[in-house]
Amino acid sequence: MAWKKNTAPLRDIPTISEGGGIRYLHFGTPWVQGAMWVSRPAELVLEYTAQMMAWLLFLAPARQQSITLLGLGAGSLARFCLKHTSNRVQVVEWNPMVTSACEMYFKLPRPARLVVEHLDAGEWVADPRNQEHSAILMVDLYDGEAAGPVRDSLEFYQQCRNVLGDVGVMTVNLFGAHASFEKNIRRLSQAFDGRLLSLPQIDAGNQIVLAFKGPPIEVSIEQLLARAEVVESQYGLPAKKWVRSMIGRSKDGVLIV
């Protein structure tokens, strides 16, 4: 979550629950906004958060590049990136209470290469100083009602594209069965010239979409499976499952995005 209001109603105040060794973040509603294995905080509990890392199939993180997260949630992706990469990790989160909750209850470390800005995500991407800021952008913007993303205009997605460097990948968390999904796909497609890939919707309703900037990518499924082997061994993510879901998008065994 990373958006801005003038006040913080009850539904924006972080609340915590725990069960089965997993700690959950809520915003005053039953909707889960993030989760952490208490004994293994750097692992990704929720399937959709693992899918948000699917950019690893197409772009290996170079040390000099930044990874930007719009929305901190329970800090899952920040903790994962800090453990598994040497990149600078930039987080944009409008609500300081969320950051405090992550530090107190979700074991969010604060190394020098983690930068957290308390700012509206829409304002941050619109700032010219942040153009070509990152190679990777992960967008997960929901409030306590979880009624579709709170930032999803065409202008917002165009500005997200501007945040990416000459070559970059954005992953965004959408709700596949929600009325907002088709609208978001249309706007993302327009902002990124149709260069999108969708992963299968998971049981909870989340559907992750990848959007690409840079030279066209033409890669065989065989090559992607070989990369998936590396991702699985290095990061412990189910990358081969993601590649198999892309076979239907390929032509003669070649994926073009």
C-alpha atoms as a PDB file:
ATOM      1  CA  MET A   1       0.000   0.000   0.000  1.00  0.00           C
ATOM      2  CA  ALA A   2       1.373   3.435  -0.924  1.00  0.00           C
ATOM      3  CA  TRP A   3      -1.173   6.141  -1.378  1.00  0.00           C
ATOM      4  CA  LYS A   4      -2.209   9.276   0.437  1.00  0.00           C
ATOM      5  CA  LYS A   5      -5.162  10.722   2.319  1.00  0.00           C
ATOM      6  CA  ASN A   6      -5.402  13.773   4.511  1.00  0.00           C
ATOM      7  CA  THR A   7      -6.440  11.618   7.487  1.00  0.00           C
ATOM      8  CA  ALA A   8      -5.857   8.019   8.577  1.00  0.00           C
ATOM      9  CA  PRO A   9      -9.256   6.364   9.197  1.00  0.00           C
ATOM     10  CA  LEU A  10      -9.471   3.121  11.128  1.00  0.00           C
ATOM     11  CA  ARG A  11      -9.268   1.045   7.971  1.00  0.00           C
ATOM     12  CA  ASP A  12      -5.768   2.474   7.309  1.00  0.00           C
ATOM     13  CA  ILE A  13      -4.379   1.620  10.760  1.00  0.00           C
ATOM     14  CA  PRO A  14      -2.244  -1.558  10.669  1.00  0.00           C
ATOM     15  CA  THR A  15      -3.617  -4.501  12.636  1.00  0.00           C
ATOM     16  CA  ILE A  16      -1.872  -7.812  13.263  1.00  0.00           C
ATOM     17  CA  SER A  17      -3.052 -11.419  13.470  1.00  0.00           C
ATOM     18  CA  GLU A  18      -1.100 -14.650  13.807  1.00  0.00           C
ATOM     19  CA  GLY A  19      -1.684 -18.372  13.306  1.00  0.00           C
ATOM     20  CA  GLY A  20       0.200 -21.472  12.221  1.00  0.00           C
ATOM     21  CA  GLY A  21       3.547 -19.752  12.569  1.00  0.00           C
ATOM     22  CA  ILE A  22       2.512 -16.963  10.165  1.00  0.00           C
ATOM     23  CA  ARG A  23       1.993 -13.318  11.117  1.00  0.00           C
ATOM     24  CA  TYR A  24      -0.465 -11.304   9.011  1.00  0.00           C
ATOM     25  CA  LEU A  25      -0.901  -7.607   8.343  1.00  0.00           C
ATOM     26  CA  HIS A  26      -4.375  -6.104   7.928  1.00  0.00           C
ATOM     27  CA  PHE A  27      -5.734  -2.585   7.700  1.00  0.00           C
ATOM     28  CA  GLY A  28      -8.667  -2.919  10.076  1.00  0.00           C
ATOM     29  CA  THR A  29     -10.464  -5.456   7.849  1.00  0.00           C
ATOM     30  CA  PRO A  30     -10.187  -9.244   7.346  1.00  0.00           C
ATOM     31  CA  TRP A  31      -8.305  -8.675   4.069  1.00  0.00           C
ATOM     32  CA  VAL A  32      -4.685  -9.857   4.320  1.00  0.00           C
ATOM     33  CA  GLN A  33      -2.249  -7.158   3.204  1.00  0.00           C
ATOM     34  CA  GLY A  34       0.926  -9.139   3.838  1.00  0.00           C
ATOM     35  CA  ALA A  35       2.331 -12.099   5.736  1.00  0.00           C
ATOM     36  CA  MET A  36       5.562 -13.427   7.216  1.00  0.00           C
ATOM     37  CA  TRP A  37       6.780 -16.766   8.508  1.00  0.00           C
ATOM     38  CA  VAL A  38       7.782 -15.800  12.030  1.00  0.00           C
ATOM     39  CA  SER A  39      10.723 -18.224  12.028  1.00  0.00           C
ATOM     40  CA  ARG A  40      11.740 -17.559   8.385  1.00  0.00           C
ATOM     41  CA  PRO A  41      11.048 -13.862   7.779  1.00  0.00           C
ATOM     42  CA  ALA A  42      12.917 -13.573   4.448  1.00  0.00           C
ATOM     43  CA  GLU A  43      10.805 -16.278   2.758  1.00  0.00           C
ATOM     44  CA  LEU A  44       7.710 -15.335   0.762  1.00  0.00           C
ATOM     45  CA  VAL A  45       4.510 -16.734   2.278  1.00  0.00           C
ATOM     46  CA  LEU A  46       1.856 -15.548  -0.172  1.00  0.00           C
ATOM     47  CA  GLU A  47       1.950 -16.972  -3.688  1.00  0.00           C
ATOM     48  CA  TYR A  48       1.331 -13.641  -5.353  1.00  0.00           C
ATOM     49  CA  THR A  49       4.377 -12.078  -3.686  1.00  0.00           C
ATOM     50  CA  ALA A  50       6.530 -14.825  -5.191  1.00  0.00           C
ATOM     51  CA  GLN A  51       4.984 -14.097  -8.601  1.00  0.00           C
ATOM     52  CA  MET A  52       5.872 -10.422  -8.203  1.00  0.00           C
ATOM     53  CA  MET A  53       9.490 -11.590  -8.558  1.00  0.00           C
ATOM     54  CA  ALA A  54       8.830 -13.131 -12.005  1.00  0.00           C
ATOM     55  CA  TRP A  55      10.853 -10.322 -13.575  1.00  0.00           C
ATOM     56  CA  LEU A  56      13.882 -12.453 -12.648  1.00  0.00           C
ATOM     57  CA  LEU A  57      13.090 -14.622 -15.682  1.00  0.00           C
ATOM     58  CA  PHE A  58      13.898 -11.700 -17.971  1.00  0.00           C
ATOM     59  CA  LEU A  59      16.295  -9.438 -16.104  1.00  0.00           C
ATOM     60  CA  ALA A  60      19.047 -10.502 -13.726  1.00  0.00           C
ATOM     61  CA  PRO A  61      19.609  -7.819 -11.079  1.00  0.00           C
ATOM     62  CA  ALA A  62      22.781  -5.836 -11.662  1.00  0.00           C
ATOM     63  CA  ARG A  63      24.310  -4.359  -8.527  1.00  0.00           C
ATOM     64  CA  GLN A  64      24.230  -0.784  -9.779  1.00  0.00           C
ATOM     65  CA  GLN A  65      20.493  -0.920 -10.516  1.00  0.00           C
ATOM     66  CA  SER A  66      17.704   0.047  -8.129  1.00  0.00           C
ATOM     67  CA  ILE A  67      14.666  -2.052  -7.276  1.00  0.00           C
ATOM     68  CA  THR A  68      11.631   0.076  -6.430  1.00  0.00           C
ATOM     69  CA  LEU A  69       8.544  -1.059  -4.535  1.00  0.00           C
ATOM     70  CA  LEU A  70       5.358   1.002  -4.552  1.00  0.00           C
ATOM     71  CA  GLY A  71       3.636  -0.210  -1.391  1.00  0.00           C
ATOM     72  CA  LEU A  72       5.408  -1.793   1.568  1.00  0.00           C
ATOM     73  CA  GLY A  73       2.713  -4.133   2.909  1.00  0.00           C
ATOM     74  CA  ALA A  74       4.262  -6.450   5.475  1.00  0.00           C
ATOM     75  CA  GLY A  75       7.702  -5.849   3.981  1.00  0.00           C
ATOM     76  CA  SER A  76       7.859  -9.283   2.320  1.00  0.00           C
ATOM     77  CA  LEU A  77       9.339  -8.183  -0.997  1.00  0.00           C
ATOM     78  CA  ALA A  78      11.705  -5.715   0.644  1.00  0.00           C
ATOM     79  CA  ARG A  79      13.070  -8.406   2.986  1.00  0.00           C
ATOM     80  CA  PHE A  80      13.385 -10.878   0.107  1.00  0.00           C
ATOM     81  CA  CYS A  81      15.243  -8.444  -2.167  1.00  0.00           C
ATOM     82  CA  LEU A  82      17.566  -7.370   0.627  1.00  0.00           C
ATOM     83  CA  LYS A  83      18.479 -10.981   1.363  1.00  0.00           C
ATOM     84  CA  HIS A  84      18.818 -12.254  -2.201  1.00  0.00           C
ATOM     85  CA  THR A  85      20.229  -9.267  -4.089  1.00  0.00           C
ATOM     86  CA  SER A  86      22.878  -6.620  -3.468  1.00  0.00           C
ATOM     87  CA  ASN A  87      20.725  -3.906  -5.035  1.00  0.00           C
ATOM     88  CA  ARG A  88      19.568  -0.644  -3.547  1.00  0.00           C
ATOM     89  CA  VAL A  89      15.924  -1.142  -2.574  1.00  0.00           C
ATOM     90  CA  GLN A  90      13.644   1.902  -2.718  1.00  0.00           C
ATOM     91  CA  VAL A  91      10.209   1.695  -1.054  1.00  0.00           C
ATOM     92  CA  VAL A  92       7.467   4.279  -1.475  1.00  0.00           C
ATOM     93  CA  GLU A  93       4.826   3.968   1.279  1.00  0.00           C
ATOM     94  CA  TRP A  94       2.456   6.790   2.160  1.00  0.00           C
ATOM     95  CA  ASN A  95       1.615   5.569   5.676  1.00  0.00           C
ATOM     96  CA  PRO A  96       4.396   5.802   8.312  1.00  0.00           C
ATOM     97  CA  MET A  97       2.340   3.530  10.571  1.00  0.00           C
ATOM     98  CA  VAL A  98       2.860   0.702   8.084  1.00  0.00           C
ATOM     99  CA  THR A  99       6.624   1.197   8.179  1.00  0.00           C
ATOM    100  CA  SER A 100       6.578   1.234  11.986  1.00  0.00           C
ATOM    101  CA  ALA A 101       4.511  -1.969  12.041  1.00  0.00           C
ATOM    102  CA  CYS A 102       6.997  -3.637   9.697  1.00  0.00           C
ATOM    103  CA  GLU A 103       9.902  -2.676  11.919  1.00  0.00           C
ATOM    104  CA  MET A 104       8.165  -3.746  15.145  1.00  0.00           C
ATOM    105  CA  TYR A 105       6.315  -6.890  14.072  1.00  0.00           C
ATOM    106  CA  PHE A 106       7.649  -7.968  10.662  1.00  0.00           C
ATOM    107  CA  LYS A 107      11.423  -7.856  11.178  1.00  0.00           C
ATOM    108  CA  LEU A 108      12.092  -5.267   8.502  1.00  0.00           C
ATOM    109  CA  PRO A 109      15.843  -4.547   8.556  1.00  0.00           C
ATOM    110  CA  ARG A 110      17.107  -1.044   7.843  1.00  0.00           C
ATOM    111  CA  PRO A 111      20.470  -1.356   6.065  1.00  0.00           C
ATOM    112  CA  ALA A 112      21.857   1.668   4.258  1.00  0.00           C
ATOM    113  CA  ARG A 113      20.744   0.297   0.889  1.00  0.00           C
ATOM    114  CA  LEU A 114      17.064   0.272   1.945  1.00  0.00           C
ATOM    115  CA  VAL A 115      15.406   3.673   1.454  1.00  0.00           C
ATOM    116  CA  VAL A 116      11.794   4.178   2.568  1.00  0.00           C
ATOM    117  CA  GLU A 117       9.982   7.343   1.476  1.00  0.00           C
ATOM    118  CA  HIS A 118       6.625   8.232   3.022  1.00  0.00           C
ATOM    119  CA  LEU A 119       4.916   9.667  -0.016  1.00  0.00           C
ATOM    120  CA  ASP A 120       1.923   9.087  -2.272  1.00  0.00           C
ATOM    121  CA  ALA A 121       2.955   6.644  -5.015  1.00  0.00           C
ATOM    122  CA  GLY A 122       1.238   8.779  -7.637  1.00  0.00           C
ATOM    123  CA  GLU A 123       3.257  11.824  -6.599  1.00  0.00           C
ATOM    124  CA  TRP A 124       6.483   9.851  -6.536  1.00  0.00           C
ATOM    125  CA  VAL A 125       6.198   8.451 -10.068  1.00  0.00           C
ATOM    126  CA  ALA A 126       5.147  11.886 -11.373  1.00  0.00           C
ATOM    127  CA  ASP A 127       8.286  13.561  -9.992  1.00  0.00           C
ATOM    128  CA  PRO A 128      10.717  14.197 -12.899  1.00  0.00           C
ATOM    129  CA  ARG A 129      13.608  13.413 -10.541  1.00  0.00           C
ATOM    130  CA  ASN A 130      12.470   9.787 -10.496  1.00  0.00           C
ATOM    131  CA  GLN A 131      12.459   9.244 -14.264  1.00  0.00           C
ATOM    132  CA  GLU A 132      14.693   6.346 -15.323  1.00  0.00           C
ATOM    133  CA  HIS A 133      15.198   5.654 -11.632  1.00  0.00           C
ATOM    134  CA  SER A 134      14.975   1.852 -11.575  1.00  0.00           C
ATOM    135  CA  ALA A 135      15.343  -1.269 -13.676  1.00  0.00           C
ATOM    136  CA  ILE A 136      12.648  -3.009 -11.642  1.00  0.00           C
ATOM    137  CA  LEU A 137       9.344  -1.609 -10.386  1.00  0.00           C
ATOM    138  CA  MET A 138       6.936  -3.690  -8.266  1.00  0.00           C
ATOM    139  CA  VAL A 139       3.502  -2.130  -7.732  1.00  0.00           C
ATOM    140  CA  ASP A 140       1.121  -3.361  -5.020  1.00  0.00           C
ATOM    141  CA  LEU A 141      -1.300  -0.573  -4.068  1.00  0.00           C
ATOM    142  CA  TYR A 142      -4.360  -1.548  -2.036  1.00  0.00           C
ATOM    143  CA  ASP A 143      -6.177  -0.077   0.932  1.00  0.00           C
ATOM    144  CA  GLY A 144      -8.108  -1.862   3.689  1.00  0.00           C
ATOM    145  CA  GLU A 145     -11.119  -2.465   1.449  1.00  0.00           C
ATOM    146  CA  ALA A 146      -8.976  -4.173  -1.223  1.00  0.00           C
ATOM    147  CA  ALA A 147     -11.483  -3.056  -3.872  1.00  0.00           C
ATOM    148  CA  GLY A 148      -9.005  -2.905  -6.747  1.00  0.00           C
ATOM    149  CA  PRO A 149      -5.753  -0.906  -6.916  1.00  0.00           C
ATOM    150  CA  VAL A 150      -5.976   2.633  -5.530  1.00  0.00           C
ATOM    151  CA  ARG A 151      -3.681   3.960  -8.262  1.00  0.00           C
ATOM    152  CA  ASP A 152      -4.572   2.710 -11.738  1.00  0.00           C
ATOM    153  CA  SER A 153      -5.037   5.605 -14.156  1.00  0.00           C
ATOM    154  CA  LEU A 154      -3.454   5.632 -17.604  1.00  0.00           C
ATOM    155  CA  GLU A 155      -1.348   8.602 -16.517  1.00  0.00           C
ATOM    156  CA  PHE A 156      -0.118   6.662 -13.464  1.00  0.00           C
ATOM    157  CA  TYR A 157       0.969   3.688 -15.587  1.00  0.00           C
ATOM    158  CA  GLN A 158       2.648   5.966 -18.127  1.00  0.00           C
ATOM    159  CA  GLN A 159       4.592   7.575 -15.302  1.00  0.00           C
ATOM    160  CA  CYS A 160       5.510   4.119 -13.981  1.00  0.00           C
ATOM    161  CA  ARG A 161       6.971   3.374 -17.405  1.00  0.00           C
ATOM    162  CA  ASN A 162       8.989   6.592 -17.183  1.00  0.00           C
ATOM    163  CA  VAL A 163      10.427   5.453 -13.838  1.00  0.00           C
ATOM    164  CA  LEU A 164      11.997   2.457 -15.588  1.00  0.00           C
ATOM    165  CA  GLY A 165      15.364   2.864 -17.267  1.00  0.00           C
ATOM    166  CA  ASP A 166      16.115   2.126 -20.917  1.00  0.00           C
ATOM    167  CA  VAL A 167      15.509  -1.542 -20.115  1.00  0.00           C
ATOM    168  CA  GLY A 168      13.123  -2.430 -17.310  1.00  0.00           C
ATOM    169  CA  VAL A 169      10.296  -4.616 -16.072  1.00  0.00           C
ATOM    170  CA  MET A 170       7.303  -3.707 -13.941  1.00  0.00           C
ATOM    171  CA  THR A 171       5.203  -6.234 -12.054  1.00  0.00           C
ATOM    172  CA  VAL A 172       1.787  -5.180 -10.757  1.00  0.00           C
ATOM    173  CA  ASN A 173      -0.667  -6.958  -8.476  1.00  0.00           C
ATOM    174  CA  LEU A 174      -4.222  -6.971  -9.868  1.00  0.00           C
ATOM    175  CA  PHE A 175      -7.408  -8.847  -8.984  1.00  0.00           C
ATOM    176  CA  GLY A 176      -8.254 -11.105 -11.922  1.00  0.00           C
ATOM    177  CA  ALA A 177     -11.911 -11.610 -11.017  1.00  0.00           C
ATOM    178  CA  HIS A 178     -12.518  -7.982 -10.048  1.00  0.00           C
ATOM    179  CA  ALA A 179     -14.317  -5.437 -12.229  1.00  0.00           C
ATOM    180  CA  SER A 180     -11.137  -3.335 -12.246  1.00  0.00           C
ATOM    181  CA  PHE A 181      -9.059  -5.980 -14.032  1.00  0.00           C
ATOM    182  CA  GLU A 182      -9.971  -5.319 -17.670  1.00  0.00           C
ATOM    183  CA  LYS A 183      -9.698  -1.564 -17.156  1.00  0.00           C
ATOM    184  CA  ASN A 184      -6.211  -1.980 -15.713  1.00  0.00           C
ATOM    185  CA  ILE A 185      -5.135  -4.277 -18.551  1.00  0.00           C
ATOM    186  CA  ARG A 186      -6.301  -1.751 -21.157  1.00  0.00           C
ATOM    187  CA  ARG A 187      -4.431   1.075 -19.480  1.00  0.00           C
ATOM    188  CA  LEU A 188      -1.291  -0.971 -18.912  1.00  0.00           C
ATOM    189  CA  SER A 189      -1.350  -2.117 -22.538  1.00  0.00           C
ATOM    190  CA  GLN A 190      -1.657   1.466 -23.753  1.00  0.00           C
ATOM    191  CA  ALA A 191       1.124   2.689 -21.450  1.00  0.00           C
ATOM    192  CA  PHE A 192       3.506  -0.153 -22.358  1.00  0.00           C
ATOM    193  CA  ASP A 193       2.659  -0.527 -26.077  1.00  0.00           C
ATOM    194  CA  GLY A 194       0.956  -3.882 -25.514  1.00  0.00           C
ATOM    195  CA  ARG A 195       4.097  -5.483 -24.047  1.00  0.00           C
ATOM    196  CA  LEU A 196       2.407  -7.399 -21.221  1.00  0.00           C
ATOM    197  CA  LEU A 197       2.511 -10.910 -19.800  1.00  0.00           C
ATOM    198  CA  SER A 198      -0.003 -12.212 -17.281  1.00  0.00           C
ATOM    199  CA  LEU A 199       0.601 -15.043 -14.842  1.00  0.00           C
ATOM    200  CA  PRO A 200      -2.341 -17.303 -13.948  1.00  0.00           C
ATOM    201  CA  GLN A 201      -4.758 -15.999 -11.358  1.00  0.00           C
ATOM    202  CA  ILE A 202      -4.217 -17.649  -7.982  1.00  0.00           C
ATOM    203  CA  ASP A 203      -6.941 -18.934  -5.656  1.00  0.00           C
ATOM    204  CA  ALA A 204      -7.019 -15.717  -3.609  1.00  0.00           C
ATOM    205  CA  GLY A 205      -7.871 -13.777  -6.803  1.00  0.00           C
ATOM    206  CA  ASN A 206      -4.546 -12.011  -7.298  1.00  0.00           C
ATOM    207  CA  GLN A 207      -3.203 -11.897 -10.832  1.00  0.00           C
ATOM    208  CA  ILE A 208       0.285 -10.600 -11.539  1.00  0.00           C
ATOM    209  CA  VAL A 209       0.996  -8.753 -14.783  1.00  0.00           C
ATOM    210  CA  LEU A 210       4.477  -8.033 -16.148  1.00  0.00           C
ATOM    211  CA  ALA A 211       5.044  -4.953 -18.326  1.00  0.00           C
ATOM    212  CA  PHE A 212       8.235  -4.439 -20.355  1.00  0.00           C
ATOM    213  CA  LYS A 213      10.275  -1.445 -21.509  1.00  0.00           C
ATOM    214  CA  GLY A 214      13.252  -1.573 -23.854  1.00  0.00           C
ATOM    215  CA  PRO A 215      14.168  -3.563 -26.963  1.00  0.00           C
ATOM    216  CA  PRO A 216      11.704  -6.317 -27.951  1.00  0.00           C
ATOM    217  CA  ILE A 217      12.335  -9.643 -26.256  1.00  0.00           C
ATOM    218  CA  GLU A 218      12.315 -12.803 -28.354  1.00  0.00           C
ATOM    219  CA  VAL A 219      13.173 -15.855 -26.286  1.00  0.00           C
ATOM    220  CA  SER A 220      12.464 -19.564 -26.646  1.00  0.00           C
ATOM    221  CA  ILE A 221      10.573 -21.485 -23.997  1.00  0.00           C
ATOM    222  CA  GLU A 222      13.670 -23.691 -23.724  1.00  0.00           C
ATOM    223  CA  GLN A 223      15.801 -20.672 -22.875  1.00  0.00           C
ATOM    224  CA  LEU A 224      13.232 -19.480 -20.352  1.00  0.00           C
ATOM    225  CA  LEU A 225      13.140 -22.899 -18.702  1.00  0.00           C
ATOM    226  CA  ALA A 226      16.929 -22.835 -18.436  1.00  0.00           C
ATOM    227  CA  ARG A 227      16.723 -19.404 -16.796  1.00  0.00           C
ATOM    228  CA  ALA A 228      13.944 -20.721 -14.539  1.00  0.00           C
ATOM    229  CA  GLU A 229      16.299 -23.445 -13.297  1.00  0.00           C
ATOM    230  CA  VAL A 230      18.734 -20.737 -12.230  1.00  0.00           C
ATOM    231  CA  VAL A 231      15.999 -18.693 -10.552  1.00  0.00           C
ATOM    232  CA  GLU A 232      14.714 -21.729  -8.670  1.00  0.00           C
ATOM    233  CA  SER A 233      18.146 -22.746  -7.420  1.00  0.00           C
ATOM    234  CA  GLN A 234      19.287 -19.230  -6.537  1.00  0.00           C
ATOM    235  CA  TYR A 235      16.090 -17.716  -5.167  1.00  0.00           C
ATOM    236  CA  GLY A 236      13.916 -20.702  -4.217  1.00  0.00           C
ATOM    237  CA  LEU A 237      11.022 -19.479  -6.381  1.00  0.00           C
ATOM    238  CA  PRO A 238       8.717 -21.709  -8.509  1.00  0.00           C
ATOM    239  CA  ALA A 239       9.943 -20.191 -11.772  1.00  0.00           C
ATOM    240  CA  LYS A 240       9.448 -23.270 -13.979  1.00  0.00           C
ATOM    241  CA  LYS A 241       5.749 -23.171 -13.111  1.00  0.00           C
ATOM    242  CA  TRP A 242       5.632 -19.573 -14.342  1.00  0.00           C
ATOM    243  CA  VAL A 243       7.327 -20.469 -17.631  1.00  0.00           C
ATOM    244  CA  ARG A 244       4.958 -23.369 -18.259  1.00  0.00           C
ATOM    245  CA  SER A 245       2.053 -20.937 -17.920  1.00  0.00           C
ATOM    246  CA  MET A 246       3.572 -18.863 -20.764  1.00  0.00           C
ATOM    247  CA  ILE A 247       3.697 -21.700 -23.298  1.00  0.00           C
ATOM    248  CA  GLY A 248       0.256 -20.790 -24.611  1.00  0.00           C
ATOM    249  CA  ARG A 249       1.506 -17.290 -25.390  1.00  0.00           C
ATOM    250  CA  SER A 250       4.428 -18.583 -27.451  1.00  0.00           C
ATOM    251  CA  LYS A 251       4.490 -19.214 -31.173  1.00  0.00           C
ATOM    252  CA  ASP A 252       6.442 -22.244 -32.336  1.00  0.00           C
ATOM    253  CA  GLY A 253       8.053 -22.361 -28.916  1.00  0.00           C
ATOM    254  CA  VAL A 254       9.167 -18.714 -29.002  1.00  0.00           C
ATOM    255  CA  LEU A 255       7.840 -16.005 -26.703  1.00  0.00           C
ATOM    256  CA  ILE A 256       7.847 -12.436 -28.021  1.00  0.00           C
ATOM    257  CA  VAL A 257       7.123  -9.434 -25.759  1.00  0.00           C
END
